[in-house]
């Protein structure tokens, strides 16, 4: 009886991998060029204007800091433009 139980467990284990195989199609999408750039934009903050807008709702407790950061960024951009001209 014990051997039959062990045999039953093995097919169950084989059936489980078949379940992960459907998720495997889900794994290829993350590598898609569409998903990676989006995540790459969220992690680094080089494009702050695009990131700060979505982050504002998330960082509601610190809206003033975000606004101040945006103002500093705008001022820096203005200074850079003035310097270049």
PDB file of N, CA and C in Angstrom:
ATOM      1  N   UNK A   1       0.841  -1.203   0.000  1.00  0.00           N
ATOM      2  CA  UNK A   1       0.000   0.000   0.000  1.00  0.00           C
ATOM      3  C   UNK A   1       0.868   1.242   0.000  1.00  0.00           C
ATOM      4  N   UNK A   2       1.995   1.197   0.724  1.00  0.00           N
ATOM      5  CA  UNK A   2       2.859   2.374   0.797  1.00  0.00           C
ATOM      6  C   UNK A   2       3.442   2.673  -0.578  1.00  0.00           C
ATOM      7  N   UNK A   3       3.856   1.629  -1.282  1.00  0.00           N
ATOM      8  CA  UNK A   3       4.446   1.830  -2.605  1.00  0.00           C
ATOM      9  C   UNK A   3       3.430   2.494  -3.529  1.00  0.00           C
ATOM     10  N   UNK A   4       2.175   2.051  -3.465  1.00  0.00           N
ATOM     11  CA  UNK A   4       1.160   2.646  -4.347  1.00  0.00           C
ATOM     12  C   UNK A   4       0.979   4.121  -4.004  1.00  0.00           C
ATOM     13  N   UNK A   5       1.043   4.460  -2.718  1.00  0.00           N
ATOM     14  CA  UNK A   5       0.899   5.871  -2.330  1.00  0.00           C
ATOM     15  C   UNK A   5       2.054   6.675  -2.927  1.00  0.00           C
ATOM     16  N   UNK A   6       3.276   6.137  -2.827  1.00  0.00           N
ATOM     17  CA  UNK A   6       4.433   6.840  -3.379  1.00  0.00           C
ATOM     18  C   UNK A   6       4.246   7.020  -4.882  1.00  0.00           C
ATOM     19  N   UNK A   7       3.728   5.988  -5.550  1.00  0.00           N
ATOM     20  CA  UNK A   7       3.499   6.109  -6.992  1.00  0.00           C
ATOM     21  C   UNK A   7       2.470   7.198  -7.276  1.00  0.00           C
ATOM     22  N   UNK A   8       1.443   7.273  -6.429  1.00  0.00           N
ATOM     23  CA  UNK A   8       0.420   8.306  -6.635  1.00  0.00           C
ATOM     24  C   UNK A   8       1.030   9.696  -6.452  1.00  0.00           C
ATOM     25  N   UNK A   9       1.931   9.829  -5.480  1.00  0.00           N
ATOM     26  CA  UNK A   9       2.525  11.144  -5.232  1.00  0.00           C
ATOM     27  C   UNK A   9       3.363  11.602  -6.432  1.00  0.00           C
ATOM     28  N   UNK A  10       4.044  10.662  -7.069  1.00  0.00           N
ATOM     29  CA  UNK A  10       4.894  11.038  -8.205  1.00  0.00           C
ATOM     30  C   UNK A  10       4.066  11.652  -9.329  1.00  0.00           C
ATOM     31  N   UNK A  11       2.963  11.012  -9.756  1.00  0.00           N
ATOM     32  CA  UNK A  11       2.134  11.647 -10.793  1.00  0.00           C
ATOM     33  C   UNK A  11       1.633  13.015 -10.340  1.00  0.00           C
ATOM     34  N   UNK A  12       1.281  13.145  -9.069  1.00  0.00           N
ATOM     35  CA  UNK A  12       0.820  14.443  -8.569  1.00  0.00           C
ATOM     36  C   UNK A  12       1.928  15.477  -8.779  1.00  0.00           C
ATOM     37  N   UNK A  13       3.169  15.092  -8.472  1.00  0.00           N
ATOM     38  CA  UNK A  13       4.290  16.015  -8.655  1.00  0.00           C
ATOM     39  C   UNK A  13       4.464  16.327 -10.145  1.00  0.00           C
ATOM     40  N   UNK A  14       4.225  15.339 -10.992  1.00  0.00           N
ATOM     41  CA  UNK A  14       4.348  15.563 -12.435  1.00  0.00           C
ATOM     42  C   UNK A  14       3.240  16.496 -12.907  1.00  0.00           C
ATOM     43  N   UNK A  15       2.046  16.358 -12.317  1.00  0.00           N
ATOM     44  CA  UNK A  15       0.936  17.227 -12.716  1.00  0.00           C
ATOM     45  C   UNK A  15       1.225  18.672 -12.305  1.00  0.00           C
ATOM     46  N   UNK A  16       1.856  18.872 -11.158  1.00  0.00           N
ATOM     47  CA  UNK A  16       2.143  20.235 -10.704  1.00  0.00           C
ATOM     48  C   UNK A  16       3.037  20.984 -11.705  1.00  0.00           C
ATOM     49  N   UNK A  17       4.141  20.377 -12.160  1.00  0.00           N
ATOM     50  CA  UNK A  17       4.962  21.066 -13.172  1.00  0.00           C
ATOM     51  C   UNK A  17       4.133  21.479 -14.384  1.00  0.00           C
ATOM     52  N   UNK A  18       3.147  20.658 -14.757  1.00  0.00           N
ATOM     53  CA  UNK A  18       2.315  21.040 -15.900  1.00  0.00           C
ATOM     54  C   UNK A  18       1.582  22.341 -15.592  1.00  0.00           C
ATOM     55  N   UNK A  19       1.273  22.589 -14.320  1.00  0.00           N
ATOM     56  CA  UNK A  19       0.623  23.858 -13.943  1.00  0.00           C
ATOM     57  C   UNK A  19       1.601  25.029 -14.116  1.00  0.00           C
ATOM     58  N   UNK A  20       2.846  24.929 -13.622  1.00  0.00           N
ATOM     59  CA  UNK A  20       3.814  26.018 -13.848  1.00  0.00           C
ATOM     60  C   UNK A  20       4.036  26.305 -15.331  1.00  0.00           C
ATOM     61  N   UNK A  21       3.879  25.309 -16.187  1.00  0.00           N
ATOM     62  CA  UNK A  21       4.123  25.556 -17.608  1.00  0.00           C
ATOM     63  C   UNK A  21       3.209  26.652 -18.158  1.00  0.00           C
ATOM     64  N   UNK A  22       1.922  26.721 -17.788  1.00  0.00           N
ATOM     65  CA  UNK A  22       1.120  27.887 -18.200  1.00  0.00           C
ATOM     66  C   UNK A  22       1.716  29.207 -17.718  1.00  0.00           C
ATOM     67  N   UNK A  23       2.155  29.301 -16.450  1.00  0.00           N
ATOM     68  CA  UNK A  23       2.836  30.537 -16.016  1.00  0.00           C
ATOM     69  C   UNK A  23       4.078  30.839 -16.854  1.00  0.00           C
ATOM     70  N   UNK A  24       4.756  29.816 -17.358  1.00  0.00           N
ATOM     71  CA  UNK A  24       5.957  30.083 -18.163  1.00  0.00           C
ATOM     72  C   UNK A  24       5.643  31.014 -19.332  1.00  0.00           C
ATOM     73  N   UNK A  25       4.499  30.873 -20.011  1.00  0.00           N
ATOM     74  CA  UNK A  25       4.129  31.909 -20.991  1.00  0.00           C
ATOM     75  C   UNK A  25       4.054  33.288 -20.353  1.00  0.00           C
ATOM     76  N   UNK A  26       3.697  33.333 -19.082  1.00  0.00           N
ATOM     77  CA  UNK A  26       3.625  34.630 -18.408  1.00  0.00           C
ATOM     78  C   UNK A  26       5.030  35.191 -18.190  1.00  0.00           C
ATOM     79  N   UNK A  27       6.031  34.324 -18.031  1.00  0.00           N
ATOM     80  CA  UNK A  27       7.392  34.806 -17.810  1.00  0.00           C
ATOM     81  C   UNK A  27       7.975  35.467 -19.066  1.00  0.00           C
ATOM     82  N   UNK A  28       7.787  34.907 -20.257  1.00  0.00           N
ATOM     83  CA  UNK A  28       8.287  35.580 -21.468  1.00  0.00           C
ATOM     84  C   UNK A  28       7.790  37.012 -21.620  1.00  0.00           C
ATOM     85  N   UNK A  29       6.527  37.327 -21.314  1.00  0.00           N
ATOM     86  CA  UNK A  29       6.084  38.727 -21.418  1.00  0.00           C
ATOM     87  C   UNK A  29       6.964  39.711 -20.647  1.00  0.00           C
ATOM     88  N   UNK A  30       7.350  39.419 -19.396  1.00  0.00           N
ATOM     89  CA  UNK A  30       8.232  40.372 -18.698  1.00  0.00           C
ATOM     90  C   UNK A  30       9.466  40.740 -19.515  1.00  0.00           C
ATOM     91  N   UNK A  31      10.154  39.761 -20.120  1.00  0.00           N
ATOM     92  CA  UNK A  31      11.307  40.128 -20.960  1.00  0.00           C
ATOM     93  C   UNK A  31      10.922  40.975 -22.172  1.00  0.00           C
ATOM     94  N   UNK A  32       9.631  41.056 -22.493  1.00  0.00           N
ATOM     95  CA  UNK A  32       9.236  41.842 -23.661  1.00  0.00           C
ATOM     96  C   UNK A  32       9.798  43.250 -23.573  1.00  0.00           C
ATOM     97  N   UNK A  33      10.097  43.811 -24.717  1.00  0.00           N
ATOM     98  CA  UNK A  33      10.691  45.150 -24.747  1.00  0.00           C
ATOM     99  C   UNK A  33       9.734  46.168 -24.141  1.00  0.00           C
ATOM    100  N   UNK A  34       8.440  45.918 -24.191  1.00  0.00           N
ATOM    101  CA  UNK A  34       7.480  46.891 -23.659  1.00  0.00           C
ATOM    102  C   UNK A  34       7.566  46.957 -22.138  1.00  0.00           C
ATOM    103  N   UNK A  35       7.667  45.795 -21.478  1.00  0.00           N
ATOM    104  CA  UNK A  35       7.660  45.795 -20.013  1.00  0.00           C
ATOM    105  C   UNK A  35       8.992  46.299 -19.458  1.00  0.00           C
ATOM    106  N   UNK A  36      10.100  45.846 -20.018  1.00  0.00           N
ATOM    107  CA  UNK A  36      11.399  46.215 -19.459  1.00  0.00           C
ATOM    108  C   UNK A  36      11.632  47.719 -19.453  1.00  0.00           C
ATOM    109  N   UNK A  37      11.429  48.421 -20.565  1.00  0.00           N
ATOM    110  CA  UNK A  37      11.649  49.883 -20.543  1.00  0.00           C
ATOM    111  C   UNK A  37      10.812  50.549 -19.466  1.00  0.00           C
ATOM    112  N   UNK A  38       9.562  50.095 -19.312  1.00  0.00           N
ATOM    113  CA  UNK A  38       8.698  50.718 -18.303  1.00  0.00           C
ATOM    114  C   UNK A  38       9.321  50.537 -16.928  1.00  0.00           C
ATOM    115  N   UNK A  39       9.724  49.287 -16.590  1.00  0.00           N
ATOM    116  CA  UNK A  39      10.320  49.054 -15.278  1.00  0.00           C
ATOM    117  C   UNK A  39      11.650  49.796 -15.179  1.00  0.00           C
ATOM    118  N   UNK A  40      12.414  49.820 -16.275  1.00  0.00           N
ATOM    119  CA  UNK A  40      13.701  50.520 -16.231  1.00  0.00           C
ATOM    120  C   UNK A  40      13.480  52.005 -15.985  1.00  0.00           C
ATOM    121  N   UNK A  41      12.374  52.561 -16.491  1.00  0.00           N
ATOM    122  CA  UNK A  41      12.098  53.974 -16.254  1.00  0.00           C
ATOM    123  C   UNK A  41      11.694  54.207 -14.801  1.00  0.00           C
ATOM    124  N   UNK A  42      11.021  53.225 -14.194  1.00  0.00           N
ATOM    125  CA  UNK A  42      10.536  53.424 -12.824  1.00  0.00           C
ATOM    126  C   UNK A  42      11.705  53.354 -11.844  1.00  0.00           C
ATOM    127  N   UNK A  43      12.641  52.416 -12.032  1.00  0.00           N
ATOM    128  CA  UNK A  43      13.723  52.245 -11.066  1.00  0.00           C
ATOM    129  C   UNK A  43      14.690  53.428 -11.089  1.00  0.00           C
ATOM    130  N   UNK A  44      15.352  53.699 -12.205  1.00  0.00           N
ATOM    131  CA  UNK A  44      16.221  54.887 -12.235  1.00  0.00           C
ATOM    132  C   UNK A  44      15.368  56.130 -12.374  1.00  0.00           C
ATOM    133  N   UNK A  45      15.854  57.263 -11.923  1.00  0.00           N
ATOM    134  CA  UNK A  45      15.053  58.486 -11.993  1.00  0.00           C
ATOM    135  C   UNK A  45      15.603  59.490 -13.002  1.00  0.00           C
ATOM    136  N   UNK A  46      16.195  59.037 -14.119  1.00  0.00           N
ATOM    137  CA  UNK A  46      16.623  60.022 -15.126  1.00  0.00           C
ATOM    138  C   UNK A  46      15.456  60.809 -15.709  1.00  0.00           C
ATOM    139  N   UNK A  47      14.325  60.172 -16.081  1.00  0.00           N
ATOM    140  CA  UNK A  47      13.187  60.978 -16.541  1.00  0.00           C
ATOM    141  C   UNK A  47      12.263  61.321 -15.389  1.00  0.00           C
ATOM    142  N   UNK A  48      12.611  62.289 -14.550  1.00  0.00           N
ATOM    143  CA  UNK A  48      11.809  62.551 -13.349  1.00  0.00           C
ATOM    144  C   UNK A  48      10.413  63.043 -13.691  1.00  0.00           C
ATOM    145  N   UNK A  49      10.271  63.814 -14.749  1.00  0.00           N
ATOM    146  CA  UNK A  49       8.954  64.367 -15.072  1.00  0.00           C
ATOM    147  C   UNK A  49       7.952  63.236 -15.300  1.00  0.00           C
ATOM    148  N   UNK A  50       8.382  62.153 -15.959  1.00  0.00           N
ATOM    149  CA  UNK A  50       7.469  61.046 -16.217  1.00  0.00           C
ATOM    150  C   UNK A  50       7.223  60.241 -14.949  1.00  0.00           C
ATOM    151  N   UNK A  51       8.227  60.141 -14.092  1.00  0.00           N
ATOM    152  CA  UNK A  51       8.102  59.282 -12.914  1.00  0.00           C
ATOM    153  C   UNK A  51       7.369  59.999 -11.785  1.00  0.00           C
ATOM    154  N   UNK A  52       7.647  61.281 -11.603  1.00  0.00           N
ATOM    155  CA  UNK A  52       7.073  61.995 -10.464  1.00  0.00           C
ATOM    156  C   UNK A  52       5.548  62.040 -10.548  1.00  0.00           C
ATOM    157  N   UNK A  53       5.005  62.195 -11.737  1.00  0.00           N
ATOM    158  CA  UNK A  53       3.550  62.260 -11.852  1.00  0.00           C
ATOM    159  C   UNK A  53       2.890  60.991 -11.322  1.00  0.00           C
ATOM    160  N   UNK A  54       3.317  59.787 -11.758  1.00  0.00           N
ATOM    161  CA  UNK A  54       2.734  58.568 -11.173  1.00  0.00           C
ATOM    162  C   UNK A  54       3.096  58.408  -9.704  1.00  0.00           C
ATOM    163  N   UNK A  55       4.270  58.860  -9.293  1.00  0.00           N
ATOM    164  CA  UNK A  55       4.680  58.670  -7.905  1.00  0.00           C
ATOM    165  C   UNK A  55       3.952  59.621  -6.963  1.00  0.00           C
ATOM    166  N   UNK A  56       3.485  60.753  -7.457  1.00  0.00           N
ATOM    167  CA  UNK A  56       2.803  61.706  -6.582  1.00  0.00           C
ATOM    168  C   UNK A  56       1.688  61.035  -5.789  1.00  0.00           C
ATOM    169  N   UNK A  57       0.794  60.274  -6.429  1.00  0.00           N
ATOM    170  CA  UNK A  57      -0.244  59.601  -5.641  1.00  0.00           C
ATOM    171  C   UNK A  57       0.345  58.637  -4.621  1.00  0.00           C
ATOM    172  N   UNK A  58       1.441  57.968  -4.966  1.00  0.00           N
ATOM    173  CA  UNK A  58       2.034  57.014  -4.031  1.00  0.00           C
ATOM    174  C   UNK A  58       2.669  57.732  -2.843  1.00  0.00           C
ATOM    175  N   UNK A  59       3.327  58.869  -3.094  1.00  0.00           N
ATOM    176  CA  UNK A  59       4.005  59.610  -2.027  1.00  0.00           C
ATOM    177  C   UNK A  59       3.161  60.804  -1.592  1.00  0.00           C
ATOM    178  N   UNK A  60       1.879  60.584  -1.343  1.00  0.00           N
ATOM    179  CA  UNK A  60       1.012  61.675  -0.916  1.00  0.00           C
ATOM    180  C   UNK A  60       1.517  62.347   0.359  1.00  0.00           C
ATOM    181  N   UNK A  61       2.077  61.582   1.312  1.00  0.00           N
ATOM    182  CA  UNK A  61       2.539  62.244   2.545  1.00  0.00           C
ATOM    183  C   UNK A  61       3.621  63.287   2.280  1.00  0.00           C
ATOM    184  N   UNK A  62       4.328  63.191   1.151  1.00  0.00           N
ATOM    185  CA  UNK A  62       5.415  64.129   0.874  1.00  0.00           C
ATOM    186  C   UNK A  62       5.187  64.865  -0.444  1.00  0.00           C
ATOM    187  N   UNK A  63       4.018  65.452  -0.659  1.00  0.00           N
ATOM    188  CA  UNK A  63       3.799  66.149  -1.933  1.00  0.00           C
ATOM    189  C   UNK A  63       4.661  67.397  -2.038  1.00  0.00           C
ATOM    190  N   UNK A  64       4.861  68.092  -0.908  1.00  0.00           N
ATOM    191  CA  UNK A  64       5.639  69.333  -0.945  1.00  0.00           C
ATOM    192  C   UNK A  64       7.071  69.034  -1.399  1.00  0.00           C
ATOM    193  N   UNK A  65       7.642  67.927  -0.925  1.00  0.00           N
ATOM    194  CA  UNK A  65       9.012  67.588  -1.324  1.00  0.00           C
ATOM    195  C   UNK A  65       9.067  67.326  -2.826  1.00  0.00           C
ATOM    196  N   UNK A  66       8.081  66.594  -3.339  1.00  0.00           N
ATOM    197  CA  UNK A  66       8.061  66.324  -4.782  1.00  0.00           C
ATOM    198  C   UNK A  66       7.915  67.621  -5.556  1.00  0.00           C
ATOM    199  N   UNK A  67       7.016  68.491  -5.117  1.00  0.00           N
ATOM    200  CA  UNK A  67       6.816  69.766  -5.805  1.00  0.00           C
ATOM    201  C   UNK A  67       8.105  70.580  -5.766  1.00  0.00           C
ATOM    202  N   UNK A  68       8.744  70.606  -4.607  1.00  0.00           N
ATOM    203  CA  UNK A  68       9.996  71.366  -4.491  1.00  0.00           C
ATOM    204  C   UNK A  68      11.047  70.776  -5.422  1.00  0.00           C
ATOM    205  N   UNK A  69      11.103  69.447  -5.463  1.00  0.00           N
ATOM    206  CA  UNK A  69      12.068  68.796  -6.354  1.00  0.00           C
ATOM    207  C   UNK A  69      11.803  69.191  -7.800  1.00  0.00           C
ATOM    208  N   UNK A  70      10.535  69.191  -8.193  1.00  0.00           N
ATOM    209  CA  UNK A  70      10.194  69.577  -9.565  1.00  0.00           C
ATOM    210  C   UNK A  70      10.606  71.021  -9.824  1.00  0.00           C
ATOM    211  N   UNK A  71      10.363  71.906  -8.860  1.00  0.00           N
ATOM    212  CA  UNK A  71      10.751  73.306  -9.029  1.00  0.00           C
ATOM    213  C   UNK A  71      12.266  73.416  -9.178  1.00  0.00           C
ATOM    214  N   UNK A  72      13.007  72.699  -8.318  1.00  0.00           N
ATOM    215  CA  UNK A  72      14.471  72.729  -8.422  1.00  0.00           C
ATOM    216  C   UNK A  72      14.906  72.203  -9.790  1.00  0.00           C
ATOM    217  N   UNK A  73      14.233  71.137 -10.234  1.00  0.00           N
ATOM    218  CA  UNK A  73      14.586  70.564 -11.530  1.00  0.00           C
ATOM    219  C   UNK A  73      14.321  71.573 -12.644  1.00  0.00           C
ATOM    220  N   UNK A  74      13.166  72.224 -12.596  1.00  0.00           N
ATOM    221  CA  UNK A  74      12.851  73.236 -13.612  1.00  0.00           C
ATOM    222  C   UNK A  74      13.878  74.362 -13.577  1.00  0.00           C
ATOM    223  N   UNK A  75      14.212  74.809 -12.376  1.00  0.00           N
ATOM    224  CA  UNK A  75      15.194  75.888 -12.254  1.00  0.00           C
ATOM    225  C   UNK A  75      16.530  75.453 -12.847  1.00  0.00           C
ATOM    226  N   UNK A  76      16.929  74.219 -12.551  1.00  0.00           N
ATOM    227  CA  UNK A  76      18.186  73.708 -13.099  1.00  0.00           C
ATOM    228  C   UNK A  76      18.130  73.675 -14.625  1.00  0.00           C
ATOM    229  N   UNK A  77      16.997  73.216 -15.158  1.00  0.00           N
ATOM    230  CA  UNK A  77      16.863  73.175 -16.617  1.00  0.00           C
ATOM    231  C   UNK A  77      16.925  74.582 -17.199  1.00  0.00           C
ATOM    232  N   UNK A  78      16.251  75.526 -16.556  1.00  0.00           N
ATOM    233  CA  UNK A  78      16.283  76.911 -17.035  1.00  0.00           C
ATOM    234  C   UNK A  78      17.708  77.444 -16.996  1.00  0.00           C
ATOM    235  N   UNK A  79      18.394  77.219 -15.880  1.00  0.00           N
ATOM    236  CA  UNK A  79      19.780  77.686 -15.769  1.00  0.00           C
ATOM    237  C   UNK A  79      20.633  77.070 -16.878  1.00  0.00           C
ATOM    238  N   UNK A  80      20.413  75.780 -17.134  1.00  0.00           N
ATOM    239  CA  UNK A  80      21.188  75.116 -18.182  1.00  0.00           C
ATOM    240  C   UNK A  80      20.903  75.749 -19.538  1.00  0.00           C
ATOM    241  N   UNK A  81      19.635  76.003 -19.818  1.00  0.00           N
ATOM    242  CA  UNK A  81      19.285  76.622 -21.108  1.00  0.00           C
ATOM    243  C   UNK A  81      19.922  78.007 -21.220  1.00  0.00           C
ATOM    244  N   UNK A  82      19.848  78.786 -20.147  1.00  0.00           N
ATOM    245  CA  UNK A  82      20.430  80.130 -20.168  1.00  0.00           C
ATOM    246  C   UNK A  82      21.936  80.035 -20.396  1.00  0.00           C
ATOM    247  N   UNK A  83      22.561  79.058 -19.731  1.00  0.00           N
ATOM    248  CA  UNK A  83      24.005  78.905 -19.873  1.00  0.00           C
ATOM    249  C   UNK A  83      24.363  78.521 -21.306  1.00  0.00           C
ATOM    250  N   UNK A  84      23.557  77.666 -21.918  1.00  0.00           N
ATOM    251  CA  UNK A  84      23.858  77.208 -23.273  1.00  0.00           C
ATOM    252  C   UNK A  84      23.656  78.330 -24.281  1.00  0.00           C
ATOM    253  N   UNK A  85      22.713  79.220 -24.042  1.00  0.00           N
ATOM    254  CA  UNK A  85      22.434  80.249 -25.048  1.00  0.00           C
ATOM    255  C   UNK A  85      23.531  81.283 -24.980  1.00  0.00           C
TER     256      UNK A  85
END
